[in-house]
């Protein structure tokens, strides 16, 4: 069936989009306000979009009061953020951190996690995360009620146990987001198939 989004509610369209574009990685974003309080919040409108330079994007909506979320306010104030990747042992803490905590209460404290210093930015990473991306804001664009933030990755933290030869990453299986409102997936069921070149495809046609 063909579905015209103009004939449906915003919530119906959100459900369609988030149930069809799957799985999506989760950016567990840490930012810091002027008082030093670390905000930690998950975003699943997130991905890598460039490697030279290294760019990631995430999209943030408004809070229930119709105002920019703490994440946006903080990164607009200091121009930086850290993307922490969510592995299964961190899922419960990530889920709690999605609650609407007041700005003066850190989700890091509320979830019994810890911070560790970043190297290239002042905003700390989540110490328990196996991988984090230190980012500086490159630009942002308003997309209706959402704000698209483009960040340049200026530093990586990767657990030593994950790094193999030639910077290959092994045994890393972050949680993915599936449909709205609360469906997730593991990323451990994988397969590896080499790409076919045009020349190889031509041979197969004979």
N, C-alpha and C. Protein backbone atom coordinates (compact mmCIF):
# COMPACT_ATOMS: atom_id res chain seq x y z
N UNK A 1 0.84 -1.19 0.00
CA UNK A 1 0.00 0.00 0.00
C UNK A 1 0.88 1.25 0.00
N UNK A 2 0.37 2.28 -0.61
CA UNK A 2 1.07 3.56 -0.60
C UNK A 2 0.54 4.40 0.55
N UNK A 3 1.45 5.01 1.30
CA UNK A 3 1.06 5.83 2.44
C UNK A 3 1.52 7.26 2.19
N UNK A 4 0.61 8.19 2.24
CA UNK A 4 0.92 9.60 2.07
C UNK A 4 1.07 10.22 3.45
N UNK A 5 2.29 10.63 3.83
CA UNK A 5 2.47 11.20 5.17
C UNK A 5 1.62 12.44 5.43
N UNK A 6 1.24 13.14 4.35
CA UNK A 6 0.42 14.33 4.52
C UNK A 6 -0.97 14.00 5.05
N UNK A 7 -1.36 12.72 4.93
CA UNK A 7 -2.69 12.31 5.37
C UNK A 7 -2.67 11.67 6.76
N UNK A 8 -1.51 11.72 7.43
CA UNK A 8 -1.38 11.07 8.73
C UNK A 8 -0.80 12.03 9.76
N UNK A 9 -0.93 11.64 11.02
CA UNK A 9 -0.43 12.49 12.10
C UNK A 9 1.10 12.43 12.17
N UNK A 10 1.66 13.40 12.86
CA UNK A 10 3.11 13.40 13.07
C UNK A 10 3.55 12.15 13.79
N UNK A 11 2.77 11.69 14.78
CA UNK A 11 3.14 10.50 15.52
C UNK A 11 3.11 9.25 14.64
N UNK A 12 2.08 9.14 13.78
CA UNK A 12 2.02 8.00 12.86
C UNK A 12 3.22 8.01 11.92
N UNK A 13 3.58 9.17 11.41
CA UNK A 13 4.72 9.27 10.51
C UNK A 13 6.02 8.93 11.23
N UNK A 14 6.13 9.38 12.48
CA UNK A 14 7.31 9.04 13.29
C UNK A 14 7.42 7.53 13.45
N UNK A 15 6.30 6.88 13.74
CA UNK A 15 6.32 5.43 13.91
C UNK A 15 6.74 4.73 12.62
N UNK A 16 6.21 5.19 11.50
CA UNK A 16 6.58 4.58 10.22
C UNK A 16 8.07 4.72 9.95
N UNK A 17 8.58 5.93 10.10
CA UNK A 17 9.98 6.18 9.80
C UNK A 17 10.90 5.37 10.71
N UNK A 18 10.62 5.39 12.00
CA UNK A 18 11.54 4.74 12.95
C UNK A 18 11.39 3.23 12.99
N UNK A 19 10.29 2.71 12.44
CA UNK A 19 10.13 1.26 12.34
C UNK A 19 10.66 0.70 11.03
N UNK A 20 10.90 1.58 10.05
CA UNK A 20 11.39 1.13 8.75
C UNK A 20 12.88 1.37 8.57
N UNK A 21 13.38 2.47 9.08
CA UNK A 21 14.82 2.77 8.96
C UNK A 21 15.50 2.16 10.19
N UNK A 22 15.86 0.90 10.05
CA UNK A 22 16.41 0.13 11.18
C UNK A 22 17.53 -0.78 10.70
N UNK A 23 18.42 -1.20 11.59
CA UNK A 23 18.60 -0.66 12.94
C UNK A 23 19.36 0.66 12.89
N UNK A 24 19.25 1.44 13.95
CA UNK A 24 19.96 2.70 14.03
C UNK A 24 20.91 2.66 15.23
N UNK A 25 22.13 3.13 15.07
CA UNK A 25 23.03 3.18 16.22
C UNK A 25 22.54 4.23 17.22
N UNK A 26 22.98 4.09 18.45
CA UNK A 26 22.58 5.01 19.51
C UNK A 26 23.75 5.89 19.89
N UNK A 27 23.57 7.19 19.78
CA UNK A 27 24.58 8.14 20.25
C UNK A 27 24.21 8.50 21.69
N UNK A 28 24.99 8.04 22.63
CA UNK A 28 24.78 8.36 24.04
C UNK A 28 25.66 9.58 24.32
N UNK A 29 25.06 10.75 24.25
CA UNK A 29 25.84 11.98 24.14
C UNK A 29 26.04 12.62 25.51
N UNK A 30 27.31 12.87 25.82
CA UNK A 30 27.63 13.63 27.03
C UNK A 30 28.00 15.05 26.64
N UNK A 31 27.42 15.99 27.39
CA UNK A 31 27.75 17.41 27.27
C UNK A 31 27.91 17.96 28.67
N UNK A 32 28.39 19.19 28.77
CA UNK A 32 28.65 19.77 30.09
C UNK A 32 28.21 21.22 30.11
N UNK A 33 27.52 21.63 31.18
CA UNK A 33 27.09 23.01 31.26
C UNK A 33 28.11 23.88 31.98
N UNK A 34 27.82 25.15 32.11
CA UNK A 34 28.79 26.09 32.68
C UNK A 34 29.10 25.79 34.13
N UNK A 35 28.18 25.12 34.83
CA UNK A 35 28.41 24.77 36.23
C UNK A 35 29.15 23.45 36.39
N UNK A 36 29.48 22.80 35.28
CA UNK A 36 30.22 21.55 35.34
C UNK A 36 29.37 20.31 35.43
N UNK A 37 28.03 20.46 35.34
CA UNK A 37 27.14 19.30 35.40
C UNK A 37 27.15 18.59 34.05
N UNK A 38 27.41 17.29 34.08
CA UNK A 38 27.48 16.51 32.85
C UNK A 38 26.10 15.95 32.52
N UNK A 39 25.59 16.30 31.35
CA UNK A 39 24.33 15.74 30.86
C UNK A 39 24.65 14.54 29.99
N UNK A 40 23.83 13.51 30.12
CA UNK A 40 24.03 12.29 29.34
C UNK A 40 22.68 11.85 28.79
N UNK A 41 22.55 11.80 27.46
CA UNK A 41 21.26 11.50 26.85
C UNK A 41 21.43 10.70 25.56
N UNK A 42 20.53 9.73 25.31
CA UNK A 42 20.63 8.91 24.10
C UNK A 42 19.85 9.50 22.92
N UNK A 43 20.43 9.37 21.72
CA UNK A 43 19.79 9.81 20.48
C UNK A 43 19.98 8.73 19.43
N UNK A 44 18.86 8.31 18.80
CA UNK A 44 19.00 7.27 17.78
C UNK A 44 18.88 7.81 16.36
N UNK A 45 18.59 9.10 16.20
CA UNK A 45 18.76 9.72 14.89
C UNK A 45 20.23 10.12 14.81
N UNK A 46 21.07 9.16 14.47
CA UNK A 46 22.53 9.33 14.59
C UNK A 46 23.23 8.45 13.57
N UNK A 47 24.33 8.97 13.01
CA UNK A 47 25.18 8.13 12.17
C UNK A 47 26.46 8.86 11.79
N UNK A 48 27.38 8.09 11.19
CA UNK A 48 28.61 8.65 10.61
C UNK A 48 28.32 9.04 9.17
N UNK A 49 28.81 10.23 8.75
CA UNK A 49 28.49 10.70 7.41
C UNK A 49 29.70 11.16 6.62
N UNK A 50 30.89 11.07 7.17
CA UNK A 50 32.07 11.48 6.43
C UNK A 50 33.34 11.00 7.10
N UNK A 51 34.36 10.74 6.29
CA UNK A 51 35.63 10.25 6.85
C UNK A 51 36.81 11.17 6.58
N UNK A 52 36.63 12.21 5.77
CA UNK A 52 37.74 13.11 5.48
C UNK A 52 37.20 14.52 5.23
N UNK A 53 36.97 15.30 6.29
CA UNK A 53 37.19 15.02 7.71
C UNK A 53 36.18 14.00 8.26
N UNK A 54 36.39 13.64 9.52
CA UNK A 54 35.52 12.68 10.20
C UNK A 54 34.28 13.41 10.74
N UNK A 55 33.12 13.11 10.17
CA UNK A 55 31.89 13.77 10.61
C UNK A 55 30.86 12.75 11.08
N UNK A 56 30.18 13.10 12.16
CA UNK A 56 28.99 12.37 12.60
C UNK A 56 27.84 13.37 12.69
N UNK A 57 26.62 12.86 12.63
CA UNK A 57 25.44 13.72 12.78
C UNK A 57 24.49 13.09 13.78
N UNK A 58 23.79 13.94 14.49
CA UNK A 58 22.64 13.47 15.26
C UNK A 58 21.57 14.54 15.21
N UNK A 59 20.34 14.13 15.45
CA UNK A 59 19.21 15.04 15.40
C UNK A 59 18.49 15.02 16.74
N UNK A 60 18.25 16.20 17.29
CA UNK A 60 17.59 16.33 18.58
C UNK A 60 16.28 17.08 18.43
N UNK A 61 15.22 16.55 19.05
CA UNK A 61 13.95 17.24 19.09
C UNK A 61 13.88 18.18 20.28
N UNK A 62 12.70 18.68 20.55
CA UNK A 62 12.48 19.58 21.67
C UNK A 62 12.04 18.78 22.89
N UNK A 63 12.20 19.35 24.07
CA UNK A 63 11.71 18.69 25.27
C UNK A 63 10.20 18.86 25.38
N UNK A 64 9.61 18.32 26.45
CA UNK A 64 8.15 18.35 26.58
C UNK A 64 7.60 19.76 26.69
N UNK A 65 8.44 20.69 27.11
CA UNK A 65 8.01 22.09 27.22
C UNK A 65 8.19 22.84 25.90
N UNK A 66 8.66 22.13 24.87
CA UNK A 66 8.86 22.77 23.58
C UNK A 66 10.13 23.58 23.48
N UNK A 67 11.08 23.32 24.38
CA UNK A 67 12.33 24.05 24.42
C UNK A 67 13.50 23.12 24.02
N UNK A 68 14.65 23.70 23.61
CA UNK A 68 15.81 22.86 23.30
C UNK A 68 16.22 22.01 24.50
N UNK A 69 16.62 20.79 24.23
CA UNK A 69 17.05 19.90 25.30
C UNK A 69 18.40 20.34 25.87
N UNK A 70 18.73 19.80 27.05
CA UNK A 70 19.99 20.15 27.71
C UNK A 70 21.18 19.92 26.80
N UNK A 71 21.14 18.84 26.03
CA UNK A 71 22.24 18.53 25.11
C UNK A 71 22.52 19.70 24.18
N UNK A 72 21.46 20.22 23.55
CA UNK A 72 21.63 21.32 22.60
C UNK A 72 22.11 22.59 23.30
N UNK A 73 21.53 22.89 24.44
CA UNK A 73 21.94 24.10 25.15
C UNK A 73 23.42 24.04 25.53
N UNK A 74 23.86 22.88 25.98
CA UNK A 74 25.25 22.75 26.41
C UNK A 74 26.22 22.84 25.24
N UNK A 75 25.93 22.14 24.15
CA UNK A 75 26.89 22.16 23.04
C UNK A 75 26.90 23.51 22.33
N UNK A 76 25.77 24.22 22.39
CA UNK A 76 25.76 25.57 21.82
C UNK A 76 26.60 26.51 22.66
N UNK A 77 26.69 26.23 23.95
CA UNK A 77 27.46 27.09 24.85
C UNK A 77 28.96 26.87 24.72
N UNK A 78 29.37 25.60 24.48
CA UNK A 78 30.82 25.35 24.46
C UNK A 78 31.32 24.68 23.18
N UNK A 79 30.42 24.34 22.26
CA UNK A 79 30.84 23.85 20.95
C UNK A 79 31.41 22.45 20.91
N UNK A 80 31.05 21.61 21.88
CA UNK A 80 31.62 20.26 21.88
C UNK A 80 30.67 19.25 22.54
N UNK A 81 30.91 17.98 22.23
CA UNK A 81 30.16 16.89 22.84
C UNK A 81 30.94 15.59 22.64
N UNK A 82 30.53 14.56 23.36
CA UNK A 82 31.15 13.24 23.23
C UNK A 82 30.06 12.22 22.95
N UNK A 83 30.26 11.39 21.93
CA UNK A 83 29.35 10.30 21.63
C UNK A 83 29.91 9.03 22.28
N UNK A 84 29.17 8.47 23.22
CA UNK A 84 29.53 7.22 23.86
C UNK A 84 28.68 6.11 23.24
N UNK A 85 29.28 5.00 22.88
CA UNK A 85 28.54 3.90 22.27
C UNK A 85 28.01 2.96 23.35
N UNK A 86 26.81 2.44 23.12
CA UNK A 86 26.10 1.67 24.15
C UNK A 86 26.21 0.18 23.87
N UNK A 87 26.95 -0.53 24.70
CA UNK A 87 27.04 -1.98 24.64
C UNK A 87 26.05 -2.58 25.64
N UNK A 88 25.75 -3.89 25.53
CA UNK A 88 24.65 -4.47 26.31
C UNK A 88 24.71 -4.22 27.82
N UNK A 89 25.90 -4.23 28.40
CA UNK A 89 25.98 -4.06 29.85
C UNK A 89 25.64 -2.64 30.28
N UNK A 90 25.56 -1.72 29.33
CA UNK A 90 25.21 -0.34 29.64
C UNK A 90 23.77 0.01 29.27
N UNK A 91 23.03 -0.98 28.78
CA UNK A 91 21.68 -0.69 28.29
C UNK A 91 20.78 -0.10 29.37
N UNK A 92 20.76 -0.71 30.54
CA UNK A 92 19.86 -0.23 31.60
C UNK A 92 20.16 1.21 31.98
N UNK A 93 21.43 1.53 32.09
CA UNK A 93 21.82 2.91 32.42
C UNK A 93 21.41 3.86 31.31
N UNK A 94 21.60 3.44 30.06
CA UNK A 94 21.18 4.28 28.92
C UNK A 94 19.68 4.53 28.96
N UNK A 95 18.93 3.49 29.26
CA UNK A 95 17.47 3.62 29.29
C UNK A 95 17.03 4.60 30.37
N UNK A 96 17.64 4.53 31.54
CA UNK A 96 17.31 5.46 32.62
C UNK A 96 17.69 6.89 32.23
N UNK A 97 18.81 7.04 31.54
CA UNK A 97 19.29 8.39 31.20
C UNK A 97 18.39 9.11 30.22
N UNK A 98 17.47 8.38 29.59
CA UNK A 98 16.53 9.00 28.65
C UNK A 98 15.41 9.75 29.37
N UNK A 99 15.30 9.56 30.70
CA UNK A 99 14.26 10.25 31.46
C UNK A 99 14.52 11.75 31.50
N UNK A 100 13.50 12.50 31.81
CA UNK A 100 13.58 13.96 31.81
C UNK A 100 14.14 14.46 33.14
N UNK A 101 15.43 14.28 33.35
CA UNK A 101 16.07 14.74 34.57
C UNK A 101 16.21 16.26 34.55
N UNK A 102 16.16 16.91 35.70
CA UNK A 102 16.42 18.35 35.74
C UNK A 102 17.86 18.65 35.35
N UNK A 103 18.09 19.85 34.86
CA UNK A 103 19.41 20.21 34.32
C UNK A 103 20.51 20.17 35.37
N UNK A 104 20.14 20.32 36.65
CA UNK A 104 21.17 20.35 37.69
C UNK A 104 21.48 18.98 38.27
N UNK A 105 20.85 17.93 37.73
CA UNK A 105 21.14 16.56 38.17
C UNK A 105 21.73 15.78 37.01
N UNK A 106 22.95 15.30 37.17
CA UNK A 106 23.62 14.57 36.10
C UNK A 106 23.08 13.15 35.99
N UNK A 107 22.78 12.75 34.78
CA UNK A 107 22.37 11.37 34.53
C UNK A 107 23.50 10.39 34.84
N UNK A 108 24.74 10.87 34.75
CA UNK A 108 25.88 10.01 35.11
C UNK A 108 25.78 9.61 36.58
N UNK A 109 25.50 10.57 37.42
CA UNK A 109 25.34 10.30 38.85
C UNK A 109 24.11 9.43 39.11
N UNK A 110 23.01 9.75 38.46
CA UNK A 110 21.76 9.03 38.68
C UNK A 110 21.85 7.56 38.29
N UNK A 111 22.72 7.24 37.34
CA UNK A 111 22.85 5.85 36.87
C UNK A 111 24.07 5.14 37.45
N UNK A 112 24.70 5.77 38.43
CA UNK A 112 25.88 5.16 39.11
C UNK A 112 27.03 4.89 38.14
N UNK A 113 27.15 5.73 37.13
CA UNK A 113 28.28 5.62 36.21
C UNK A 113 29.36 6.61 36.65
N UNK A 114 30.41 6.68 35.86
CA UNK A 114 31.53 7.57 36.17
C UNK A 114 31.98 8.26 34.89
N UNK A 115 32.61 9.40 35.05
CA UNK A 115 33.19 10.09 33.90
C UNK A 115 34.69 9.86 33.86
N UNK A 116 35.25 10.01 32.68
CA UNK A 116 36.70 9.98 32.48
C UNK A 116 37.06 11.14 31.58
N UNK A 117 38.22 11.75 31.78
CA UNK A 117 38.56 12.92 30.96
C UNK A 117 38.76 12.57 29.49
N UNK A 118 38.29 13.46 28.63
CA UNK A 118 38.61 13.35 27.21
C UNK A 118 39.98 13.97 26.98
N UNK A 119 40.50 13.82 25.78
CA UNK A 119 41.83 14.34 25.45
C UNK A 119 41.72 15.62 24.62
N UNK A 120 40.85 15.62 23.61
CA UNK A 120 40.78 16.75 22.68
C UNK A 120 39.69 17.76 23.03
N UNK A 121 38.76 17.38 23.91
CA UNK A 121 37.70 18.30 24.32
C UNK A 121 37.60 18.29 25.85
N UNK A 122 36.95 19.32 26.40
CA UNK A 122 36.82 19.42 27.84
C UNK A 122 35.70 18.54 28.39
N UNK A 123 34.72 18.24 27.55
CA UNK A 123 33.60 17.41 27.98
C UNK A 123 34.08 15.98 28.24
N UNK A 124 33.75 15.41 29.39
CA UNK A 124 34.22 14.05 29.68
C UNK A 124 33.41 12.99 28.95
N UNK A 125 33.99 11.81 28.84
CA UNK A 125 33.30 10.65 28.30
C UNK A 125 32.77 9.81 29.46
N UNK A 126 31.98 8.80 29.13
CA UNK A 126 31.52 7.83 30.12
C UNK A 126 32.63 6.80 30.31
N UNK A 127 33.12 6.68 31.53
CA UNK A 127 34.27 5.81 31.79
C UNK A 127 33.96 4.35 31.46
N UNK A 128 32.72 3.94 31.64
CA UNK A 128 32.35 2.53 31.41
C UNK A 128 32.14 2.20 29.94
N UNK A 129 32.05 3.19 29.08
CA UNK A 129 31.83 2.94 27.65
C UNK A 129 33.10 2.38 27.02
N UNK A 130 32.94 1.39 26.16
CA UNK A 130 34.09 0.77 25.50
C UNK A 130 34.61 1.60 24.33
N UNK A 131 33.80 2.54 23.86
CA UNK A 131 34.23 3.39 22.75
C UNK A 131 33.50 4.72 22.83
N UNK A 132 34.23 5.79 22.58
CA UNK A 132 33.66 7.13 22.61
C UNK A 132 34.30 7.98 21.52
N UNK A 133 33.54 8.93 21.01
CA UNK A 133 34.00 9.84 19.96
C UNK A 133 33.98 11.26 20.51
N UNK A 134 35.13 11.88 20.58
CA UNK A 134 35.22 13.27 21.03
C UNK A 134 34.94 14.18 19.83
N UNK A 135 33.96 15.08 19.98
CA UNK A 135 33.49 15.86 18.83
C UNK A 135 33.46 17.35 19.12
N UNK A 136 33.75 18.13 18.10
CA UNK A 136 33.51 19.56 18.11
C UNK A 136 32.41 19.87 17.11
N UNK A 137 31.53 20.77 17.47
CA UNK A 137 30.41 21.12 16.60
C UNK A 137 30.93 21.79 15.34
N UNK A 138 30.55 21.24 14.19
CA UNK A 138 30.89 21.86 12.91
C UNK A 138 29.79 22.81 12.47
N UNK A 139 28.54 22.35 12.55
CA UNK A 139 27.41 23.20 12.19
C UNK A 139 26.13 22.56 12.69
N UNK A 140 25.08 23.34 12.64
CA UNK A 140 23.76 22.79 12.94
C UNK A 140 22.75 23.38 11.98
N UNK A 141 21.68 22.65 11.77
CA UNK A 141 20.64 23.09 10.84
C UNK A 141 19.28 22.75 11.43
N UNK A 142 18.37 23.69 11.37
CA UNK A 142 17.03 23.46 11.87
C UNK A 142 16.22 22.70 10.84
N UNK A 143 15.63 21.59 11.25
CA UNK A 143 14.78 20.78 10.37
C UNK A 143 13.41 20.67 11.03
N UNK A 144 12.58 21.67 10.85
CA UNK A 144 11.30 21.68 11.52
C UNK A 144 11.51 21.76 13.03
N UNK A 145 10.95 20.79 13.75
CA UNK A 145 11.08 20.76 15.20
C UNK A 145 12.38 20.11 15.66
N UNK A 146 13.16 19.62 14.72
CA UNK A 146 14.42 18.95 15.06
C UNK A 146 15.62 19.80 14.67
N UNK A 147 16.70 19.61 15.40
CA UNK A 147 17.96 20.28 15.09
C UNK A 147 18.99 19.24 14.70
N UNK A 148 19.50 19.35 13.48
CA UNK A 148 20.55 18.45 13.01
C UNK A 148 21.90 19.05 13.38
N UNK A 149 22.67 18.29 14.13
CA UNK A 149 24.00 18.74 14.56
C UNK A 149 25.05 17.91 13.83
N UNK A 150 25.98 18.59 13.17
CA UNK A 150 27.12 17.93 12.53
C UNK A 150 28.32 18.16 13.42
N UNK A 151 28.96 17.07 13.84
CA UNK A 151 30.14 17.17 14.67
C UNK A 151 31.36 16.58 13.99
N UNK A 152 32.49 17.23 14.14
CA UNK A 152 33.74 16.67 13.63
C UNK A 152 34.38 15.86 14.74
N UNK A 153 34.71 14.62 14.43
CA UNK A 153 35.35 13.75 15.41
C UNK A 153 36.84 14.12 15.48
N UNK A 154 37.25 14.58 16.65
CA UNK A 154 38.63 15.03 16.82
C UNK A 154 39.42 14.08 17.73
N UNK A 155 38.77 13.05 18.24
CA UNK A 155 39.47 12.08 19.08
C UNK A 155 38.62 10.85 19.30
N UNK A 156 39.29 9.71 19.42
CA UNK A 156 38.63 8.44 19.71
C UNK A 156 39.13 7.90 21.05
N UNK A 157 38.22 7.31 21.81
CA UNK A 157 38.64 6.41 22.89
C UNK A 157 38.12 5.03 22.53
N UNK A 158 38.99 4.04 22.49
CA UNK A 158 38.60 2.66 22.20
C UNK A 158 39.30 1.75 23.20
N UNK A 159 38.54 0.89 23.84
CA UNK A 159 39.11 -0.08 24.77
C UNK A 159 40.20 -0.89 24.06
N UNK A 160 41.34 -1.05 24.73
CA UNK A 160 42.48 -1.75 24.12
C UNK A 160 42.10 -3.14 23.63
N UNK A 161 41.18 -3.81 24.32
CA UNK A 161 40.81 -5.18 23.96
C UNK A 161 40.08 -5.26 22.63
N UNK A 162 39.57 -4.13 22.14
CA UNK A 162 38.80 -4.14 20.90
C UNK A 162 39.65 -3.93 19.66
N UNK A 163 40.87 -3.43 19.82
CA UNK A 163 41.68 -3.00 18.68
C UNK A 163 42.62 -4.11 18.23
N UNK A 164 42.50 -4.47 16.95
CA UNK A 164 43.40 -5.46 16.37
C UNK A 164 44.38 -4.81 15.42
N UNK A 165 44.94 -5.61 14.53
CA UNK A 165 45.90 -5.12 13.55
C UNK A 165 45.24 -4.11 12.61
N UNK A 166 46.00 -3.10 12.20
CA UNK A 166 45.56 -2.11 11.22
C UNK A 166 44.26 -1.42 11.63
N UNK A 167 44.10 -1.22 12.92
CA UNK A 167 42.96 -0.51 13.49
C UNK A 167 41.63 -1.24 13.26
N UNK A 168 41.68 -2.52 13.01
CA UNK A 168 40.44 -3.28 12.92
C UNK A 168 39.84 -3.43 14.31
N UNK A 169 38.53 -3.31 14.40
CA UNK A 169 37.82 -3.43 15.67
C UNK A 169 37.18 -4.81 15.75
N UNK A 170 37.43 -5.50 16.86
CA UNK A 170 36.92 -6.86 17.04
C UNK A 170 36.05 -6.94 18.29
N UNK A 171 35.06 -7.83 18.24
CA UNK A 171 34.22 -8.14 19.41
C UNK A 171 33.55 -6.91 19.98
N UNK A 172 33.10 -6.04 19.11
CA UNK A 172 32.38 -4.84 19.52
C UNK A 172 30.97 -4.93 18.97
N UNK A 173 29.97 -4.98 19.85
CA UNK A 173 28.60 -5.20 19.41
C UNK A 173 27.66 -4.26 20.16
N UNK A 174 27.64 -2.98 19.79
CA UNK A 174 26.75 -2.04 20.47
C UNK A 174 25.28 -2.34 20.18
N UNK A 175 24.44 -1.88 21.08
CA UNK A 175 22.99 -2.04 20.93
C UNK A 175 22.50 -1.14 19.79
N UNK A 176 21.50 -1.62 19.05
CA UNK A 176 20.87 -0.82 18.00
C UNK A 176 19.43 -0.50 18.36
N UNK A 177 18.93 0.58 17.83
CA UNK A 177 17.53 0.97 18.05
C UNK A 177 16.71 0.49 16.86
N UNK A 178 15.58 -0.12 17.17
CA UNK A 178 14.65 -0.54 16.13
C UNK A 178 13.43 0.38 16.18
N UNK A 179 12.24 -0.21 16.29
CA UNK A 179 11.04 0.59 16.18
C UNK A 179 10.69 1.38 17.42
N UNK A 180 9.85 2.37 17.19
CA UNK A 180 9.30 3.17 18.27
C UNK A 180 8.20 2.37 18.97
N UNK A 181 8.03 2.50 20.28
CA UNK A 181 8.79 3.42 21.12
C UNK A 181 9.98 2.79 21.85
N UNK A 182 10.03 1.44 21.93
CA UNK A 182 11.01 0.86 22.85
C UNK A 182 11.56 -0.48 22.38
N UNK A 183 11.85 -0.59 21.09
CA UNK A 183 12.36 -1.85 20.56
C UNK A 183 13.83 -1.67 20.19
N UNK A 184 14.65 -2.61 20.62
CA UNK A 184 16.10 -2.54 20.40
C UNK A 184 16.58 -3.87 19.84
N UNK A 185 17.85 -3.92 19.46
CA UNK A 185 18.41 -5.17 18.95
C UNK A 185 19.87 -5.30 19.36
N UNK A 186 20.31 -6.54 19.43
CA UNK A 186 21.73 -6.82 19.55
C UNK A 186 22.33 -6.86 18.15
N UNK A 187 23.63 -6.65 18.05
CA UNK A 187 24.28 -6.64 16.73
C UNK A 187 25.33 -7.74 16.65
N UNK A 188 25.03 -8.87 17.28
CA UNK A 188 25.99 -9.97 17.31
C UNK A 188 25.78 -10.97 16.18
N UNK A 189 24.64 -10.96 15.53
CA UNK A 189 24.36 -11.87 14.42
C UNK A 189 24.85 -11.22 13.13
N UNK A 190 26.03 -11.62 12.67
CA UNK A 190 26.67 -10.93 11.55
C UNK A 190 27.10 -11.91 10.47
N UNK A 191 27.31 -11.39 9.28
CA UNK A 191 27.92 -12.17 8.20
C UNK A 191 28.83 -11.26 7.40
N UNK A 192 29.84 -11.85 6.79
CA UNK A 192 30.88 -11.10 6.09
C UNK A 192 30.98 -11.62 4.67
N UNK A 193 30.58 -10.80 3.70
CA UNK A 193 30.62 -11.18 2.29
C UNK A 193 31.34 -10.10 1.51
N UNK A 194 32.35 -10.48 0.74
CA UNK A 194 33.12 -9.51 -0.03
C UNK A 194 32.26 -8.89 -1.14
N UNK A 195 32.52 -7.63 -1.43
CA UNK A 195 31.82 -6.98 -2.53
C UNK A 195 32.26 -7.56 -3.87
N UNK A 196 31.35 -7.56 -4.81
CA UNK A 196 31.64 -8.07 -6.15
C UNK A 196 32.01 -6.88 -7.04
N UNK A 197 33.13 -7.00 -7.75
CA UNK A 197 33.52 -5.95 -8.69
C UNK A 197 32.71 -6.07 -9.98
N UNK A 198 32.76 -5.02 -10.79
CA UNK A 198 32.05 -5.06 -12.07
C UNK A 198 32.62 -6.16 -12.96
N UNK A 199 33.94 -6.30 -12.95
CA UNK A 199 34.57 -7.35 -13.78
C UNK A 199 34.10 -8.74 -13.34
N UNK A 200 34.00 -8.95 -12.06
CA UNK A 200 33.52 -10.26 -11.57
C UNK A 200 32.07 -10.48 -11.95
N UNK A 201 31.28 -9.43 -11.88
CA UNK A 201 29.88 -9.55 -12.26
C UNK A 201 29.75 -9.91 -13.75
N UNK A 202 30.60 -9.28 -14.59
CA UNK A 202 30.56 -9.59 -16.01
C UNK A 202 30.84 -11.06 -16.27
N UNK A 203 31.82 -11.63 -15.56
CA UNK A 203 32.17 -13.04 -15.73
C UNK A 203 30.99 -13.94 -15.38
N UNK A 204 30.20 -13.51 -14.39
CA UNK A 204 29.07 -14.32 -13.96
C UNK A 204 27.94 -14.34 -14.97
N UNK A 205 27.97 -13.37 -15.91
CA UNK A 205 26.91 -13.29 -16.90
C UNK A 205 27.14 -14.20 -18.11
N UNK A 206 28.36 -14.76 -18.20
CA UNK A 206 28.70 -15.59 -19.36
C UNK A 206 28.04 -16.97 -19.24
